[in-house]
Amino acid sequence: MKKRILDLQPYKPGKSPEDIKREYNIDKVIKLASNENPYGCSPHVETAVLSSLHDTATYPDGYATELRKKVSDHLHVDENQLLFGSGLDEVIQMISRVLLCEGDNIITANETFPQYKHHAIIEGAEVREIPLVNGSFDLDGMFQAIDDRTKIVWICNPNNPSGTYLNEETLVRFLEKVPPEIVVVLDEAYYEYVTADDYPNSIPLLAHFNHLIVLRTFSKAYGLAAFRIGYAVGNAQLIEKINIARLPFNTSTFAQQAALAALEDQDFVKKCVRKNAECLRDFEQTLQRLNVEYYPSQANFIFVRMASPMELFNFFLKKGYIVRPFPNGVRITIGTKEQNKEVLSALEDYVKGHVFN
């Protein structure tokens, strides 16, 4: 066994809603810990998946030909600029496996998606974590950390778990400074939820920066988390190299068909995004009224800052709400209007007698 992985832990999902019902003797549990789409997915997905059930005995299309063409048309990129994976987790794994050698290093934030760090360690690379500033990536600090062994810079935009974002001017200025031999990966898992006018239009940037890779997923706004399908977009030659690490049939027939149907129903996505923005605004207004600190979010979750996150986490559990605790706060997925009303009512009960900082 590789010694460097001895201190790593496999991913451990939290308690299931059924476990919590039994433990706390409650009838209803609402899961708001994984940033899933509370409105599900397009109704066309079920039809597409059911129509594929006759293909269960045959291997899926390893090249994802039909989906590849649809995504390339949707993004206005060449088909050979795309790499599909079993969720972005696998795409991150492939990028790390191909680009990192023992003794290399990656640069990212100290509070961001943990898989960047996880796979770097597995490959024997050093992880340089630059602290967030007010919940946002410190690109100046990250640039200063670059040296001749740096291979990847990971940027999550909007960032998970803080929900903050980098604007286009800031990102472009950074890309212009980073040496072209260092790959900058822009993880845009929550891209569809963003409403900020100055959020980067990243796909056109690929024509100017060959060392940029953009990640997108069908797990969040499209509501296909159970199918596990995401993709990378980048320079064709770079994508071809990373494709070497892809397993031959890594995305299932059903995932590909579900993604096709979801992509074609942009009206459903727009409705979800509009509802999320409305509920997020209500959430932030309530937090302001309660004088609770939080990071302004451009995603489908909000990060509430506090000194005793586990206390609030356990309080919510007893009430039937699953949120995600972190050392300096909790991340709460934005649910439906009804779910948010209940969660905010519970939070208001908690705030009475507690001090947030």
Protein backbone atom coordinates (compact mmCIF):
# COMPACT_ATOMS: atom_id res chain seq x y z
CA MET A 1 0.00 0.00 0.00
CA LYS A 2 1.21 3.54 -0.76
CA LYS A 3 2.35 5.06 2.53
CA ARG A 4 1.05 8.47 1.52
CA ILE A 5 -2.57 7.31 1.57
CA LEU A 6 -2.47 5.89 5.10
CA ASP A 7 -3.67 9.18 6.57
CA LEU A 8 -6.46 9.60 4.01
CA GLN A 9 -10.02 8.57 4.69
CA PRO A 10 -12.49 7.13 2.17
CA TYR A 11 -15.55 9.26 1.54
CA LYS A 12 -18.09 8.62 4.29
CA PRO A 13 -21.63 9.79 3.56
CA GLY A 14 -23.62 11.22 6.44
CA LYS A 15 -26.53 9.51 8.09
CA SER A 16 -29.42 8.71 5.80
CA PRO A 17 -32.86 10.25 6.35
CA GLU A 18 -34.12 6.83 7.48
CA ASP A 19 -31.33 6.54 10.08
CA ILE A 20 -32.20 9.96 11.47
CA LYS A 21 -35.93 9.16 11.62
CA ARG A 22 -35.18 6.10 13.73
CA GLU A 23 -32.59 7.79 15.94
CA TYR A 24 -34.68 10.87 16.78
CA ASN A 25 -38.11 9.27 16.46
CA ILE A 26 -39.34 11.80 13.90
CA ASP A 27 -41.54 11.30 10.85
CA LYS A 28 -40.06 13.76 8.35
CA VAL A 29 -36.46 14.46 7.42
CA ILE A 30 -35.30 17.02 4.84
CA LYS A 31 -31.83 16.56 3.38
CA LEU A 32 -30.11 19.89 2.78
CA ALA A 33 -26.50 18.74 2.95
CA SER A 34 -25.44 17.76 -0.59
CA ASN A 35 -26.56 20.69 -2.77
CA GLU A 36 -29.00 18.54 -4.72
CA ASN A 37 -31.74 20.04 -6.86
CA PRO A 38 -34.91 20.01 -4.70
CA TYR A 39 -37.05 20.09 -7.86
CA GLY A 40 -35.61 16.88 -9.28
CA CYS A 41 -34.91 16.71 -12.99
CA SER A 42 -36.67 17.36 -16.26
CA PRO A 43 -39.73 15.11 -16.77
CA HIS A 44 -38.22 14.12 -20.12
CA VAL A 45 -35.42 12.25 -18.35
CA GLU A 46 -37.67 9.41 -17.20
CA THR A 47 -38.89 8.79 -20.73
CA ALA A 48 -35.35 8.80 -22.10
CA VAL A 49 -34.04 6.37 -19.49
CA LEU A 50 -36.98 3.98 -19.80
CA SER A 51 -36.53 3.87 -23.55
CA SER A 52 -32.94 2.70 -22.99
CA LEU A 53 -33.80 -0.29 -20.80
CA HIS A 54 -33.55 -2.67 -23.76
CA ASP A 55 -29.82 -1.87 -23.90
CA THR A 56 -28.93 -3.36 -20.53
CA ALA A 57 -26.93 -6.27 -22.01
CA THR A 58 -24.68 -4.10 -24.18
CA TYR A 59 -21.82 -1.86 -23.18
CA PRO A 60 -22.42 1.90 -23.32
CA ASP A 61 -20.94 4.12 -26.01
CA GLY A 62 -17.48 4.76 -24.57
CA TYR A 63 -17.09 7.91 -26.62
CA ALA A 64 -20.54 9.25 -25.59
CA THR A 65 -21.00 10.19 -29.24
CA GLU A 66 -24.54 11.53 -29.16
CA LEU A 67 -24.07 13.43 -25.91
CA ARG A 68 -20.71 14.74 -27.07
CA LYS A 69 -22.29 16.28 -30.18
CA LYS A 70 -25.14 17.80 -28.15
CA VAL A 71 -22.80 19.35 -25.55
CA SER A 72 -20.41 20.64 -28.23
CA ASP A 73 -23.33 22.35 -29.99
CA HIS A 74 -24.62 23.73 -26.69
CA LEU A 75 -21.24 25.22 -25.74
CA HIS A 76 -20.03 26.03 -29.27
CA VAL A 77 -16.83 24.02 -28.87
CA ASP A 78 -15.27 21.22 -30.91
CA GLU A 79 -16.23 17.68 -29.94
CA ASN A 80 -12.59 16.76 -29.29
CA GLN A 81 -12.43 19.42 -26.58
CA LEU A 82 -14.73 17.36 -24.33
CA LEU A 83 -14.01 14.66 -21.76
CA PHE A 84 -16.88 12.91 -19.96
CA GLY A 85 -16.68 11.29 -16.57
CA SER A 86 -18.74 9.54 -13.93
CA GLY A 87 -19.45 12.82 -12.18
CA LEU A 88 -16.81 15.51 -11.76
CA ASP A 89 -15.20 13.36 -9.08
CA GLU A 90 -13.91 11.00 -11.76
CA VAL A 91 -12.86 13.87 -14.02
CA ILE A 92 -10.81 15.34 -11.15
CA GLN A 93 -9.28 11.92 -10.59
CA MET A 94 -8.31 11.58 -14.26
CA ILE A 95 -6.74 15.04 -14.42
CA SER A 96 -4.73 14.34 -11.26
CA ARG A 97 -3.62 10.92 -12.43
CA VAL A 98 -2.32 12.19 -15.77
CA LEU A 99 -0.75 15.50 -14.76
CA LEU A 100 0.74 14.79 -11.33
CA CYS A 101 3.92 12.93 -10.42
CA GLU A 102 5.52 12.41 -7.03
CA GLY A 103 7.22 15.64 -5.95
CA ASP A 104 4.94 17.91 -7.98
CA ASN A 105 2.54 20.30 -6.28
CA ILE A 106 -0.94 21.68 -6.73
CA ILE A 107 -2.25 25.02 -5.52
CA THR A 108 -5.78 25.58 -4.30
CA ALA A 109 -7.70 27.08 -1.39
CA ASN A 110 -7.81 25.75 2.15
CA GLU A 111 -11.62 25.64 2.19
CA THR A 112 -12.84 24.24 -1.10
CA PHE A 113 -13.88 20.96 -2.73
CA PRO A 114 -11.72 18.31 -0.99
CA GLN A 115 -11.22 16.00 -3.97
CA TYR A 116 -8.53 18.27 -5.43
CA LYS A 117 -6.38 17.63 -2.37
CA HIS A 118 -7.41 14.00 -2.00
CA HIS A 119 -6.21 12.93 -5.45
CA ALA A 120 -3.06 15.03 -5.31
CA ILE A 121 -2.00 13.17 -2.18
CA ILE A 122 -2.73 9.81 -3.80
CA GLU A 123 -0.43 10.77 -6.69
CA GLY A 124 2.32 11.85 -4.28
CA ALA A 125 2.03 15.57 -4.97
CA GLU A 126 2.37 18.34 -2.41
CA VAL A 127 -0.79 20.33 -1.66
CA ARG A 128 -0.40 24.07 -1.16
CA GLU A 129 -3.57 25.47 0.35
CA ILE A 130 -3.96 29.24 0.34
CA PRO A 131 -6.48 30.62 2.89
CA LEU A 132 -9.67 32.13 1.55
CA VAL A 133 -10.15 35.88 2.00
CA ASN A 134 -13.73 36.66 3.07
CA GLY A 135 -14.75 33.30 1.68
CA SER A 136 -13.13 33.93 -1.73
CA PHE A 137 -10.05 32.58 -3.50
CA ASP A 138 -6.91 34.65 -2.92
CA LEU A 139 -5.46 34.57 -6.44
CA ASP A 140 -2.54 36.83 -5.51
CA GLY A 141 -1.56 34.46 -2.74
CA MET A 142 -1.99 31.47 -5.04
CA PHE A 143 0.19 33.02 -7.72
CA GLN A 144 2.95 33.68 -5.19
CA ALA A 145 2.87 29.99 -4.22
CA ILE A 146 3.66 28.82 -7.77
CA ASP A 147 7.11 27.34 -8.42
CA ASP A 148 8.76 25.10 -11.01
CA ARG A 149 7.08 21.97 -9.56
CA THR A 150 3.55 23.36 -9.76
CA LYS A 151 1.42 21.38 -12.20
CA ILE A 152 -2.21 22.29 -11.41
CA VAL A 153 -4.03 25.28 -9.94
CA TRP A 154 -7.56 24.37 -8.84
CA ILE A 155 -10.22 27.11 -8.67
CA CYS A 156 -13.80 26.34 -7.69
CA ASN A 157 -16.08 29.09 -9.02
CA PRO A 158 -18.53 29.55 -7.35
CA ASN A 159 -16.63 28.02 -4.48
CA ASN A 160 -17.93 25.05 -2.55
CA PRO A 161 -18.59 25.46 0.39
CA SER A 162 -18.56 29.27 0.62
CA GLY A 163 -20.68 30.05 -2.47
CA THR A 164 -18.55 33.09 -3.35
CA TYR A 165 -17.25 33.76 -6.86
CA LEU A 166 -14.44 35.38 -8.82
CA ASN A 167 -15.41 37.88 -11.51
CA GLU A 168 -14.13 37.74 -15.07
CA GLU A 169 -11.64 40.59 -14.78
CA THR A 170 -9.98 39.01 -11.75
CA LEU A 171 -9.85 35.57 -13.35
CA VAL A 172 -8.44 36.77 -16.69
CA ARG A 173 -5.75 38.80 -14.96
CA PHE A 174 -4.71 35.66 -13.09
CA LEU A 175 -4.72 33.45 -16.20
CA GLU A 176 -2.51 35.94 -18.00
CA LYS A 177 0.12 35.65 -15.24
CA VAL A 178 0.15 31.87 -14.77
CA PRO A 179 2.88 30.18 -16.86
CA PRO A 180 1.38 28.27 -19.82
CA GLU A 181 2.86 24.95 -18.69
CA ILE A 182 0.72 25.03 -15.50
CA VAL A 183 -2.86 23.82 -15.95
CA VAL A 184 -5.57 25.95 -14.36
CA VAL A 185 -8.74 23.97 -13.68
CA LEU A 186 -11.89 26.02 -13.25
CA ASP A 187 -14.53 23.94 -11.50
CA GLU A 188 -17.92 25.38 -12.45
CA ALA A 189 -20.19 22.73 -10.96
CA TYR A 190 -22.67 25.46 -9.92
CA TYR A 191 -22.33 27.51 -13.11
CA GLU A 192 -26.02 27.40 -14.04
CA TYR A 193 -27.11 28.92 -10.72
CA VAL A 194 -25.00 32.07 -11.06
CA THR A 195 -26.88 35.36 -11.55
CA ALA A 196 -24.00 37.85 -11.16
CA ASP A 197 -23.45 39.96 -14.27
CA ASP A 198 -19.66 39.92 -13.97
CA TYR A 199 -19.30 36.15 -13.59
CA PRO A 200 -16.70 34.84 -16.09
CA ASN A 201 -17.83 33.70 -19.52
CA SER A 202 -15.27 30.93 -19.31
CA ILE A 203 -15.81 28.85 -22.46
CA PRO A 204 -14.64 31.61 -24.86
CA LEU A 205 -11.54 32.00 -22.68
CA LEU A 206 -10.41 28.53 -23.80
CA ALA A 207 -9.49 30.00 -27.19
CA HIS A 208 -7.00 32.34 -25.49
CA PHE A 209 -5.63 30.10 -22.72
CA ASN A 210 -4.52 26.61 -23.75
CA HIS A 211 -3.70 25.78 -20.15
CA LEU A 212 -7.29 26.30 -18.96
CA ILE A 213 -9.75 23.46 -18.30
CA VAL A 214 -13.39 24.15 -17.41
CA LEU A 215 -15.46 21.58 -15.50
CA ARG A 216 -19.26 21.33 -15.67
CA THR A 217 -21.74 18.78 -14.33
CA PHE A 218 -25.27 17.47 -14.75
CA SER A 219 -25.53 16.70 -11.02
CA LYS A 220 -26.66 20.09 -9.74
CA ALA A 221 -29.02 22.34 -11.73
CA TYR A 222 -29.94 19.51 -14.11
CA GLY A 223 -30.85 17.27 -11.16
CA LEU A 224 -28.99 14.14 -12.33
CA ALA A 225 -26.77 13.46 -9.31
CA ALA A 226 -27.86 9.81 -9.16
CA PHE A 227 -26.68 9.20 -12.74
CA ARG A 228 -23.12 10.51 -12.13
CA ILE A 229 -22.12 12.39 -15.25
CA GLY A 230 -19.96 15.49 -15.68
CA TYR A 231 -17.43 16.75 -18.18
CA ALA A 232 -14.31 18.79 -18.84
CA VAL A 233 -13.78 21.29 -21.67
CA GLY A 234 -10.32 22.36 -22.75
CA ASN A 235 -7.61 22.43 -25.37
CA ALA A 236 -8.06 19.37 -27.61
CA GLN A 237 -4.47 18.14 -27.22
CA LEU A 238 -4.60 18.46 -23.45
CA ILE A 239 -7.97 16.71 -23.27
CA GLU A 240 -6.64 13.89 -25.45
CA LYS A 241 -3.80 13.28 -22.98
CA ILE A 242 -6.17 13.22 -19.99
CA ASN A 243 -8.50 10.88 -21.89
CA ILE A 244 -5.79 8.21 -21.59
CA ALA A 245 -6.77 7.74 -17.92
CA ARG A 246 -10.46 7.30 -18.70
CA LEU A 247 -11.91 3.83 -18.21
CA PRO A 248 -13.33 2.45 -21.48
CA PHE A 249 -17.02 2.54 -20.48
CA ASN A 250 -17.01 5.04 -17.63
CA THR A 251 -20.42 6.66 -18.25
CA SER A 252 -23.46 4.44 -18.51
CA THR A 253 -25.99 4.34 -21.33
CA PHE A 254 -28.63 5.58 -18.90
CA ALA A 255 -26.49 8.49 -17.70
CA GLN A 256 -25.82 9.57 -21.28
CA GLN A 257 -29.49 9.39 -22.24
CA ALA A 258 -30.53 11.21 -19.07
CA ALA A 259 -28.02 13.98 -19.76
CA LEU A 260 -29.23 14.32 -23.35
CA ALA A 261 -32.83 14.73 -22.25
CA ALA A 262 -31.90 17.13 -19.46
CA LEU A 263 -29.77 19.28 -21.74
CA GLU A 264 -32.60 19.63 -24.24
CA ASP A 265 -34.98 20.94 -21.56
CA GLN A 266 -33.43 24.32 -20.79
CA ASP A 267 -36.82 25.67 -19.69
CA PHE A 268 -36.72 23.30 -16.71
CA VAL A 269 -33.23 24.50 -15.77
CA LYS A 270 -34.25 28.14 -16.03
CA LYS A 271 -37.24 27.53 -13.73
CA CYS A 272 -35.00 25.85 -11.16
CA VAL A 273 -32.48 28.68 -11.32
CA ARG A 274 -35.18 31.32 -10.93
CA LYS A 275 -36.71 29.55 -7.92
CA ASN A 276 -33.28 29.11 -6.36
CA ALA A 277 -32.47 32.82 -6.76
CA GLU A 278 -35.77 33.81 -5.15
CA CYS A 279 -35.32 31.43 -2.22
CA LEU A 280 -31.67 32.42 -1.80
CA ARG A 281 -32.70 36.08 -1.58
CA ASP A 282 -35.30 35.24 1.09
CA PHE A 283 -32.69 33.23 2.97
CA GLU A 284 -30.15 36.06 2.95
CA GLN A 285 -32.73 38.64 4.02
CA THR A 286 -33.70 36.47 7.00
CA LEU A 287 -30.07 35.97 8.00
CA GLN A 288 -29.54 39.72 7.87
CA ARG A 289 -32.60 40.29 10.06
CA LEU A 290 -31.31 37.73 12.56
CA ASN A 291 -27.86 39.32 12.46
CA VAL A 292 -26.29 36.01 11.45
CA GLU A 293 -23.06 36.15 9.44
CA TYR A 294 -22.93 34.40 6.08
CA TYR A 295 -21.13 34.48 2.75
CA PRO A 296 -23.14 35.97 -0.15
CA SER A 297 -23.77 33.02 -2.46
CA GLN A 298 -23.99 32.49 -6.20
CA ALA A 299 -24.81 28.80 -5.86
CA ASN A 300 -27.70 26.67 -4.60
CA PHE A 301 -26.47 26.71 -1.02
CA ILE A 302 -25.45 29.24 1.60
CA PHE A 303 -22.66 29.14 4.16
CA VAL A 304 -23.66 30.33 7.64
CA ARG A 305 -20.67 31.36 9.74
CA MET A 306 -20.48 30.59 13.46
CA ALA A 307 -18.19 29.51 16.25
CA SER A 308 -20.11 26.33 17.20
CA PRO A 309 -21.18 24.67 13.94
CA MET A 310 -21.69 21.19 15.42
CA GLU A 311 -24.16 22.60 17.94
CA LEU A 312 -26.32 24.00 15.15
CA PHE A 313 -25.84 20.85 13.08
CA ASN A 314 -27.15 18.66 15.91
CA PHE A 315 -29.98 21.11 16.61
CA PHE A 316 -31.10 20.83 12.99
CA LEU A 317 -30.81 17.02 13.07
CA LYS A 318 -33.21 16.78 15.98
CA LYS A 319 -35.63 18.95 14.02
CA GLY A 320 -35.32 16.71 10.96
CA TYR A 321 -33.00 18.83 8.80
CA ILE A 322 -29.67 17.49 7.52
CA VAL A 323 -27.10 20.24 6.83
CA ARG A 324 -23.33 20.05 6.32
CA PRO A 325 -21.05 21.17 9.17
CA PHE A 326 -17.58 22.68 8.66
CA PRO A 327 -15.03 23.96 11.21
CA ASN A 328 -16.24 27.56 10.87
CA GLY A 329 -19.92 27.18 10.00
CA VAL A 330 -22.57 25.12 8.26
CA ARG A 331 -23.51 24.85 4.61
CA ILE A 332 -27.24 24.71 3.94
CA THR A 333 -28.64 23.69 0.57
CA ILE A 334 -31.37 26.00 -0.69
CA GLY A 335 -34.51 23.87 -0.80
CA THR A 336 -38.03 24.62 -1.90
CA LYS A 337 -39.85 27.67 -0.57
CA GLU A 338 -41.70 25.49 1.95
CA GLN A 339 -38.52 23.73 3.11
CA ASN A 340 -36.65 27.01 3.49
CA LYS A 341 -39.48 28.49 5.52
CA GLU A 342 -39.26 25.59 7.96
CA VAL A 343 -35.46 25.71 8.16
CA LEU A 344 -35.38 29.45 8.73
CA SER A 345 -38.03 29.15 11.42
CA ALA A 346 -35.87 26.55 13.17
CA LEU A 347 -32.80 28.75 12.77
CA GLU A 348 -34.65 31.67 14.33
CA ASP A 349 -35.49 29.46 17.32
CA TYR A 350 -31.83 28.54 17.61
CA VAL A 351 -30.60 32.14 17.40
CA LYS A 352 -32.54 33.07 20.49
CA GLY A 353 -30.03 32.74 23.31
CA HIS A 354 -27.03 32.15 21.04
CA VAL A 355 -24.30 34.46 19.79
CA PHE A 356 -22.97 34.07 16.25
CA ASN A 357 -19.54 35.21 15.14
